[in-house]
Amino acid sequence: MEQDPQFLIDVAKAKMPYGKYKGVSLIDLPENYVVWYHSKGFPKGKLGSMLGLVYELKLNGLEGIIRKIKNDY
């Protein structure tokens, strides 16, 4: 899956907008929370797409990609 570089930057900067983890960077959400959200169904729109990418990255141990972008911006 090819990603738009701006989308990766957006994911690196994004924070959870509501709930128990409101204000936490998406990449810093606990893995079990992201897995729970995956089983429940991600929200529609950009947030859902970003959470889906975070899920895939965490699943494959690739969070470092977003963490590096986060530190660079």
Foldseek 3Di string as FASTA:
>chain_A
DDDDPVLLLCLLPDADCDDPRHPHRLLPPDLVVLVVCVVVDADDDSRSVSSVVSNVCVVVVNSVVSVVSNVVD
